[in-house]
N, C-alpha and C. Protein backbone atom coordinates (compact mmCIF):
# COMPACT_ATOMS: atom_id res chain seq x y z
N MET A 1 0.91 -1.21 -0.12
CA MET A 1 0.10 0.04 -0.01
C MET A 1 0.58 1.27 -0.18
N LYS A 2 2.10 1.09 0.74
CA LYS A 2 2.87 1.98 0.99
C LYS A 2 3.70 2.60 -0.45
N LYS A 3 3.74 1.60 -1.19
CA LYS A 3 4.39 1.82 -2.42
C LYS A 3 3.55 2.51 -3.59
N PHE A 4 2.03 1.89 -3.47
CA PHE A 4 1.41 2.52 -4.53
C PHE A 4 0.98 4.05 -4.34
N THR A 5 1.03 4.32 -2.68
CA THR A 5 0.86 5.93 -2.45
C THR A 5 1.84 6.28 -3.10
N LEU A 6 3.11 5.90 -2.50
CA LEU A 6 4.21 6.78 -2.92
C LEU A 6 4.32 7.08 -4.60
N ALA A 7 3.99 6.03 -5.26
CA ALA A 7 4.13 5.80 -7.03
C ALA A 7 2.66 6.92 -7.49
N LEU A 8 1.73 7.01 -6.70
CA LEU A 8 0.79 7.99 -7.12
C LEU A 8 1.17 9.31 -6.75
N THR A 9 1.64 9.47 -5.50
CA THR A 9 2.29 10.90 -5.22
C THR A 9 3.51 11.39 -6.32
N ALA A 10 4.50 10.36 -6.80
CA ALA A 10 5.33 10.90 -7.84
C ALA A 10 4.73 11.11 -8.82
N LEU A 11 3.96 10.42 -9.64
CA LEU A 11 2.99 10.98 -10.70
C LEU A 11 2.09 12.11 -10.43
N THR A 12 1.84 12.19 -9.58
CA THR A 12 0.97 13.54 -9.48
C THR A 12 2.13 14.81 -9.50
N ALA A 13 2.99 14.56 -8.91
CA ALA A 13 4.21 15.50 -8.77
C ALA A 13 4.89 15.88 -10.43
N LEU A 14 4.77 14.72 -10.86
CA LEU A 14 5.79 14.83 -12.40
C LEU A 14 4.41 15.62 -13.26
N GLY A 15 3.32 15.03 -13.08
CA GLY A 15 2.36 15.71 -14.00
C GLY A 15 2.15 17.27 -13.29
N GLY A 16 2.23 17.52 -12.32
CA GLY A 16 2.02 19.17 -12.08
C GLY A 16 3.33 19.76 -12.86
N ILE A 17 4.59 19.13 -12.31
CA ILE A 17 5.90 19.95 -12.89
C ILE A 17 5.55 19.91 -14.65
N ALA A 18 5.05 19.00 -15.43
CA ALA A 18 4.75 19.07 -16.65
C ALA A 18 3.89 20.16 -17.21
N LEU A 19 2.98 20.39 -16.34
CA LEU A 19 2.10 21.35 -16.67
C LEU A 19 2.47 22.66 -16.49
N ALA A 20 3.25 22.70 -15.39
CA ALA A 20 3.76 24.24 -14.95
C ALA A 20 4.98 24.58 -16.04
N ALA A 21 5.60 23.69 -16.85
CA ALA A 21 6.76 23.83 -17.49
C ALA A 21 5.98 24.51 -19.01
N GLY A 22 4.90 24.00 -19.13
CA GLY A 22 4.44 24.71 -20.68
C GLY A 22 3.73 26.17 -20.35
N SER A 23 3.54 26.40 -21.42
CA SER A 23 3.52 28.00 -21.51
C SER A 23 1.97 28.49 -20.84
N ALA A 24 2.14 29.69 -20.12
CA ALA A 24 0.89 30.10 -19.39
C ALA A 24 0.13 31.19 -20.13
N THR A 25 0.07 31.37 -21.21
CA THR A 25 -0.50 32.48 -21.89
C THR A 25 -1.67 31.71 -22.60
N ALA A 26 -2.86 32.94 -23.01
CA ALA A 26 -4.14 32.43 -23.97
C ALA A 26 -3.47 32.84 -25.45
N ALA A 27 -2.49 32.92 -25.74
CA ALA A 27 -2.28 33.01 -27.23
C ALA A 27 -2.42 31.90 -27.80
N PRO A 28 -3.01 31.95 -29.15
CA PRO A 28 -3.12 30.81 -30.03
C PRO A 28 -1.87 30.19 -30.23
N MET A 29 -1.83 28.87 -30.14
CA MET A 29 -0.59 27.71 -30.67
C MET A 29 -0.75 27.32 -32.14
N SER A 30 0.46 27.40 -32.75
CA SER A 30 0.39 26.93 -34.00
C SER A 30 0.66 25.18 -33.71
N VAL A 31 0.70 24.49 -35.16
CA VAL A 31 0.73 23.08 -35.05
C VAL A 31 1.72 22.71 -34.34
N ASN A 32 3.27 23.28 -34.25
CA ASN A 32 4.41 22.82 -34.05
C ASN A 32 4.74 23.33 -32.50
N GLY A 33 3.69 23.81 -32.07
CA GLY A 33 3.83 24.11 -30.29
C GLY A 33 4.34 25.38 -30.44
N MET A 34 4.73 26.17 -31.28
CA MET A 34 5.38 27.60 -31.18
C MET A 34 4.18 28.76 -30.91
N GLN A 35 4.34 29.41 -30.46
CA GLN A 35 3.24 30.82 -30.51
C GLN A 35 3.40 31.48 -31.84
N SER A 36 2.32 31.57 -32.16
CA SER A 36 2.38 32.41 -33.50
C SER A 36 2.02 33.67 -33.37
N GLU A 37 2.42 35.00 -34.11
CA GLU A 37 2.15 36.18 -34.12
C GLU A 37 0.94 36.45 -35.12
N SER A 38 -0.44 36.40 -34.60
CA SER A 38 -1.36 36.76 -34.86
C SER A 38 -2.08 37.97 -34.90
N GLY A 39 -2.75 38.44 -35.77
CA GLY A 39 -3.73 39.90 -35.71
C GLY A 39 -4.77 39.65 -34.53
N VAL A 40 -4.60 38.92 -33.59
CA VAL A 40 -5.38 38.93 -32.33
C VAL A 40 -5.12 39.68 -31.40
N THR A 41 -5.89 40.85 -31.14
CA THR A 41 -5.80 41.70 -29.80
C THR A 41 -6.73 41.66 -28.94
N GLN A 42 -6.34 41.65 -27.72
CA GLN A 42 -7.43 41.87 -26.72
C GLN A 42 -7.80 43.00 -26.36
N VAL A 43 -9.22 43.10 -26.31
CA VAL A 43 -9.74 44.80 -25.84
C VAL A 43 -10.60 44.73 -24.50
N ARG A 44 -10.64 45.71 -23.97
CA ARG A 44 -11.52 45.75 -22.78
C ARG A 44 -13.15 45.79 -23.15
N MET A 45 -13.83 45.17 -22.41
CA MET A 45 -15.36 44.83 -22.60
C MET A 45 -16.05 45.99 -21.96
N ASP A 46 -16.84 46.76 -22.92
CA ASP A 46 -17.42 47.86 -22.32
C ASP A 46 -18.82 47.53 -21.71
N ARG A 47 -19.44 48.60 -21.17
CA ARG A 47 -20.56 48.62 -20.54
C ARG A 47 -21.74 47.62 -21.28
N GLY A 48 -21.86 47.94 -22.12
CA GLY A 48 -22.94 47.31 -23.07
C GLY A 48 -22.63 45.50 -23.12
N GLU A 49 -21.59 45.30 -23.35
CA GLU A 49 -21.34 44.00 -23.26
C GLU A 49 -21.59 43.34 -22.09
N ARG A 50 -20.82 44.05 -21.03
CA ARG A 50 -20.86 43.50 -19.89
C ARG A 50 -22.69 43.30 -19.36
N MET A 51 -23.65 44.37 -19.45
CA MET A 51 -24.92 44.09 -19.10
C MET A 51 -25.37 43.07 -20.24
N MET A 52 -25.12 42.57 -21.16
CA MET A 52 -25.68 41.51 -21.98
C MET A 52 -25.21 40.36 -21.53
N MET A 53 -23.96 40.30 -21.01
CA MET A 53 -23.46 38.91 -20.29
C MET A 53 -24.35 38.74 -19.23
N LYS A 54 -24.26 39.86 -18.37
CA LYS A 54 -25.06 39.98 -17.13
C LYS A 54 -26.55 39.21 -17.07
N LYS A 55 -27.31 40.09 -17.94
CA LYS A 55 -28.65 39.51 -18.59
C LYS A 55 -28.72 38.17 -18.86
N ARG A 56 -27.92 37.65 -19.55
CA ARG A 56 -27.93 36.29 -20.11
C ARG A 56 -27.39 35.32 -18.90
N MET A 57 -26.79 35.59 -18.32
CA MET A 57 -26.52 34.63 -16.96
C MET A 57 -27.65 34.89 -15.98
N MET A 58 -28.38 36.11 -15.74
CA MET A 58 -29.45 36.24 -14.82
C MET A 58 -30.86 35.20 -15.73
N ARG A 59 -30.86 35.22 -16.98
CA ARG A 59 -31.87 34.63 -17.58
C ARG A 59 -31.54 33.05 -17.21
N LYS A 60 -30.26 32.53 -17.75
CA LYS A 60 -29.99 31.24 -17.42
C LYS A 60 -30.26 30.64 -16.06
N ASN A 61 -29.98 31.33 -15.22
CA ASN A 61 -30.13 30.69 -14.01
C ASN A 61 -31.54 30.77 -13.44
N MET A 62 -32.38 31.75 -14.10
CA MET A 62 -33.75 31.69 -13.87
C MET A 62 -34.31 30.42 -14.21
N MET A 63 -34.11 30.28 -15.38
CA MET A 63 -34.65 29.16 -16.23
C MET A 63 -34.11 27.69 -15.48
N LYS A 64 -32.93 27.68 -14.84
CA LYS A 64 -32.41 26.49 -14.23
C LYS A 64 -33.43 26.55 -12.88
N ARG A 65 -33.40 27.76 -12.22
CA ARG A 65 -34.34 27.55 -10.92
C ARG A 65 -35.97 27.31 -11.18
N ARG A 66 -36.29 27.61 -12.40
CA ARG A 66 -37.63 27.18 -12.78
C ARG A 66 -37.76 25.74 -13.03
N MET A 67 -36.76 25.24 -13.56
CA MET A 67 -36.76 23.72 -14.04
C MET A 67 -36.83 23.00 -12.80
N MET A 68 -35.81 23.29 -12.01
CA MET A 68 -35.80 22.49 -10.45
C MET A 68 -36.74 22.76 -9.63
N LYS A 69 -37.57 23.75 -9.82
CA LYS A 69 -38.68 23.87 -9.18
C LYS A 69 -40.13 22.93 -9.69
N LYS A 70 -39.87 22.99 -11.12
CA LYS A 70 -40.90 22.02 -11.49
C LYS A 70 -40.43 20.71 -11.34
N ARG A 71 -39.20 20.50 -11.25
CA ARG A 71 -38.91 19.02 -11.09
C ARG A 71 -39.19 18.56 -9.69
N MET A 72 -39.00 19.37 -8.54
CA MET A 72 -39.45 19.17 -6.85
C MET A 72 -41.05 19.15 -7.09
N MET A 73 -41.85 19.99 -7.60
CA MET A 73 -43.05 19.79 -7.69
C MET A 73 -43.34 18.41 -8.17
N ASN A 74 -43.04 17.80 -9.22
CA ASN A 74 -43.56 16.93 -9.80
C ASN A 74 -42.91 15.41 -9.47
N ARG A 75 -42.36 15.48 -8.38
CA ARG A 75 -41.41 14.16 -8.16
C ARG A 75 -42.49 13.08 -7.56
N GLY A 76 -43.72 13.16 -7.24
CA GLY A 76 -44.80 12.65 -7.10
C GLY A 76 -44.69 11.59 -5.67
N MET A 77 -44.50 12.00 -4.56
CA MET A 77 -44.32 11.57 -3.16
C MET A 77 -45.62 11.45 -2.72
């Protein structure tokens, strides 16, 4: 059992090192793994876009809440 936990710990540590060694940017990667200089620029989200996202999330949560409420009412106890 000790050997198994030791092996599992070693694999987890090696996996973490492998992930940490990779690039930590959100830039698109090309086929060979090198970052390509593309014409993608990041811009700030303005107030209208932020409000649209907020409304979409609120609508989504409301629909989820409604669905759960219906499910609770129709469980047939």
